[in-house]
Structures are given as structure tokens and as C-alpha cells.
């Protein structure tokens, strides 16, 4: 499993601009800037999560296999969050950003509410859990700044969720 869990790639502005819109890449973008800041914060949070959870995943003496599975799930979830953040800026569409933002919010909350399960495992002190809660709360603040940069466009959400 460990080889499947990789670090999030660094942010690359050039890879996030649609090919048909390269002429606009140099222009300032409040949404892209807020997204980049939020992504970098999430990147550091993934490192913290890996440091906390990899010892549990790698512990062959762990009695409760479900804890291993949950730790693996949380690391995979953290990578999905990074992917959703990065890809939200590629198209620049309001609906696409909103969909990704909703997924990011839900998954970040899942991590925040699940991480206390690991208190007491592999010398994991409550202070580590508290530090992750604080980092997720800081991420939440960056998330709010980011979503406040979204501008509704002319495209309609056929499902009526993001109107």
C-alpha cells in the first residue's frame, strides 16, 4: 500500500491553465491565488497525516485491522482533496468549482471527525490530534476565502444544486 500513497505534487500555474486560454495565464486571478495558498496548506497537512498514520499502516502487530484500513482510507482521502483543489482551477467554471468545493469540504470534515480514533495508537498523543484539528481549522479559513472568490457564470446546473 505504501507505494500507492505518494506526496501531492507541487502547484504549477502553467499546468492549471486550459490550453485554449494560455493568453490569460499571466493575468492575476484572486481565485487561483486563494486556491494555490489553500493547496499549499493542504500539502503540508498531508505530510502531517502521513507522519501520524503511516506507522499504524505499517504496524504488523496491530490487533485491530480496521484501524489500519481506516488510516489508509484517510491518507487516500487526503490525496483526493488535493486533487479536487488543483483541478478546480483548470476550467474556471462556477459549477465545477462548486462541485469540487463541496467534495473538499465533506472530505476534510471526514478527516477531522475520524482522526480522533487514533488517539492512543502507536504513541499518538492527543496533542497530535489537536494539532491536526488546528491545521484543518486553518485550512477551513483559507477555504472560505477561496469560495468567496467564485463568480457565478452563465452556465446552468442541470441538477439545480449550484444555482
Protein backbone atom coordinates (compact mmCIF):
# COMPACT_ATOMS: atom_id res chain seq x y z
CA UNK A 1 0.00 0.00 0.00
CA UNK A 2 2.79 2.45 0.84
CA UNK A 3 3.97 2.79 -2.75
CA UNK A 4 0.45 3.87 -3.71
CA UNK A 5 0.49 6.71 -1.19
CA UNK A 6 2.54 9.48 -2.73
CA UNK A 7 3.00 13.10 -1.82
CA UNK A 8 0.90 15.70 -3.55
CA UNK A 9 2.71 17.32 -6.48
CA UNK A 10 3.80 20.93 -6.22
CA UNK A 11 1.49 23.59 -7.57
CA UNK A 12 2.25 24.52 -11.19
CA UNK A 13 0.34 27.51 -12.58
CA UNK A 14 1.12 26.54 -16.17
CA UNK A 15 -0.45 23.11 -15.82
CA UNK A 16 -3.64 24.60 -14.42
CA UNK A 17 -4.45 26.90 -17.32
CA UNK A 18 -6.64 25.46 -20.08
CA UNK A 19 -4.69 25.19 -23.36
CA UNK A 20 -7.24 27.33 -25.18
CA UNK A 21 -6.77 30.09 -22.58
CA UNK A 22 -2.96 30.41 -22.36
CA UNK A 23 -3.18 34.09 -23.29
CA UNK A 24 -4.93 34.72 -19.97
CA UNK A 25 -2.44 32.80 -17.81
CA UNK A 26 -0.35 35.84 -16.91
CA UNK A 27 -3.31 37.80 -15.55
CA UNK A 28 -3.84 37.94 -11.79
CA UNK A 29 -6.60 35.68 -10.53
CA UNK A 30 -7.95 36.02 -7.00
CA UNK A 31 -9.48 32.57 -7.21
CA UNK A 32 -6.27 30.92 -8.44
CA UNK A 33 -4.18 32.73 -5.81
CA UNK A 34 -6.53 31.72 -2.98
CA UNK A 35 -6.68 28.17 -4.32
CA UNK A 36 -2.88 27.98 -4.52
CA UNK A 37 -2.49 29.15 -0.92
CA UNK A 38 -5.11 26.66 0.25
CA UNK A 39 -3.46 23.84 -1.73
CA UNK A 40 -0.05 24.56 -0.23
CA UNK A 41 -1.58 24.45 3.25
CA UNK A 42 -3.26 21.15 2.44
CA UNK A 43 0.03 19.81 1.10
CA UNK A 44 1.67 20.40 4.49
CA UNK A 45 -1.31 18.80 6.23
CA UNK A 46 -0.85 15.66 4.11
CA UNK A 47 2.73 15.39 5.39
CA UNK A 48 1.49 15.62 8.97
CA UNK A 49 -1.19 13.00 8.32
CA UNK A 50 1.36 10.68 6.73
CA UNK A 51 3.70 11.04 9.71
CA UNK A 52 0.85 10.19 12.03
CA UNK A 53 -0.82 7.39 10.08
CA UNK A 54 1.97 5.52 8.25
CA UNK A 55 3.28 3.91 11.47
CA UNK A 56 -0.21 2.49 12.04
CA UNK A 57 -0.45 1.22 8.46
CA UNK A 58 3.00 -0.38 8.68
CA UNK A 59 2.44 -1.98 12.10
CA UNK A 60 2.26 -5.74 11.55
CA UNK A 61 1.45 -6.30 15.22
CA UNK A 62 -1.66 -4.12 15.27
CA UNK A 63 -4.55 -6.17 16.60
CA UNK A 64 -7.32 -4.04 15.12
CA UNK A 65 -7.01 -4.34 11.33
CA UNK A 66 -9.90 -1.92 10.87
CA UNK A 67 -7.67 0.86 12.25
CA UNK A 68 -5.13 0.11 9.52
CA UNK A 69 -7.86 0.22 6.90
CA UNK A 70 -9.19 3.50 8.27
CA UNK A 71 -5.69 5.03 8.30
CA UNK A 72 -5.21 4.02 4.66
CA UNK A 73 -8.62 5.47 3.79
CA UNK A 74 -7.76 8.78 5.45
CA UNK A 75 -4.48 9.09 3.55
CA UNK A 76 -6.22 8.31 0.28
CA UNK A 77 -8.93 10.85 1.15
CA UNK A 78 -6.27 13.48 1.82
CA UNK A 79 -4.89 12.93 -1.69
CA UNK A 80 -8.35 13.19 -3.25
CA UNK A 81 -8.78 16.54 -1.51
CA UNK A 82 -5.52 17.75 -3.06
CA UNK A 83 -6.67 16.58 -6.49
CA UNK A 84 -10.04 18.32 -6.15
CA UNK A 85 -8.36 21.57 -5.09
CA UNK A 86 -5.90 21.52 -8.01
CA UNK A 87 -8.44 20.61 -10.68
CA UNK A 88 -11.00 23.18 -9.56
CA UNK A 89 -8.97 25.92 -11.22
CA UNK A 90 -8.39 24.21 -14.56
CA UNK A 91 -11.72 25.04 -16.15
CA UNK A 92 -12.73 28.15 -14.25
CA UNK A 93 -16.41 27.17 -14.37
CA UNK A 94 -18.54 28.10 -11.37
CA UNK A 95 -20.37 24.76 -11.25
CA UNK A 96 -17.12 22.80 -11.46
CA UNK A 97 -15.56 24.88 -8.69
CA UNK A 98 -18.65 24.47 -6.52
CA UNK A 99 -18.74 20.71 -7.05
CA UNK A 100 -15.09 20.38 -6.10
CA UNK A 101 -15.51 22.73 -3.15
CA UNK A 102 -18.42 20.63 -1.84
CA UNK A 103 -16.32 17.45 -2.11
CA UNK A 104 -13.30 19.11 -0.45
CA UNK A 105 -15.44 20.35 2.43
CA UNK A 106 -17.07 16.97 3.00
CA UNK A 107 -13.81 15.00 2.86
CA UNK A 108 -11.93 17.47 5.09
CA UNK A 109 -14.73 17.17 7.65
CA UNK A 110 -14.49 13.36 7.39
CA UNK A 111 -10.79 13.50 8.21
CA UNK A 112 -11.37 15.97 11.04
CA UNK A 113 -14.04 13.83 12.67
CA UNK A 114 -12.27 10.49 12.12
CA UNK A 115 -8.73 11.34 13.23
CA UNK A 116 -9.55 11.14 16.98
CA UNK A 117 -9.99 7.36 16.54
CA UNK A 118 -6.21 7.09 16.52
CA UNK A 119 -5.59 8.66 19.93
CA UNK A 120 -3.51 6.26 21.96
CA UNK A 121 -2.36 4.18 18.96
CA UNK A 122 1.40 3.89 18.28
CA UNK A 123 2.23 6.58 20.83
CA UNK A 124 -0.19 9.05 19.26
CA UNK A 125 -0.88 11.62 21.90
CA UNK A 126 -4.00 13.79 21.95
CA UNK A 127 -1.76 16.80 21.27
CA UNK A 128 -1.05 15.41 17.77
CA UNK A 129 -4.76 15.07 17.13
CA UNK A 130 -5.32 18.62 18.40
CA UNK A 131 -2.61 19.88 16.05
CA UNK A 132 -4.36 18.25 13.08
CA UNK A 133 -7.68 19.79 14.17
CA UNK A 134 -5.99 23.20 14.29
CA UNK A 135 -4.44 22.73 10.83
CA UNK A 136 -7.81 21.69 9.40
CA UNK A 137 -9.41 24.74 11.01
CA UNK A 138 -6.73 26.96 9.41
CA UNK A 139 -7.47 25.19 6.12
CA UNK A 140 -11.19 25.92 6.61
CA UNK A 141 -10.41 29.63 6.87
CA UNK A 142 -8.45 29.53 3.61
CA UNK A 143 -11.30 27.53 2.05
CA UNK A 144 -13.77 30.30 2.95
CA UNK A 145 -11.52 32.92 1.35
CA UNK A 146 -11.27 30.74 -1.76
CA UNK A 147 -15.01 30.13 -2.22
CA UNK A 148 -15.68 33.84 -1.77
CA UNK A 149 -13.69 34.42 -4.98
CA UNK A 150 -16.09 32.29 -7.07
CA UNK A 151 -18.07 34.22 -9.65
CA UNK A 152 -21.31 32.81 -10.98
CA UNK A 153 -21.20 32.38 -14.72
CA UNK A 154 -23.84 31.90 -17.41
CA UNK A 155 -23.80 28.11 -17.25
CA UNK A 156 -26.74 26.45 -15.55
CA UNK A 157 -26.54 23.48 -13.23
CA UNK A 158 -28.95 20.99 -14.79
CA UNK A 159 -29.39 19.31 -11.40
CA UNK A 160 -30.29 22.60 -9.71
CA UNK A 161 -27.85 22.25 -6.86
CA UNK A 162 -25.49 25.15 -7.57
CA UNK A 163 -27.84 27.93 -8.68
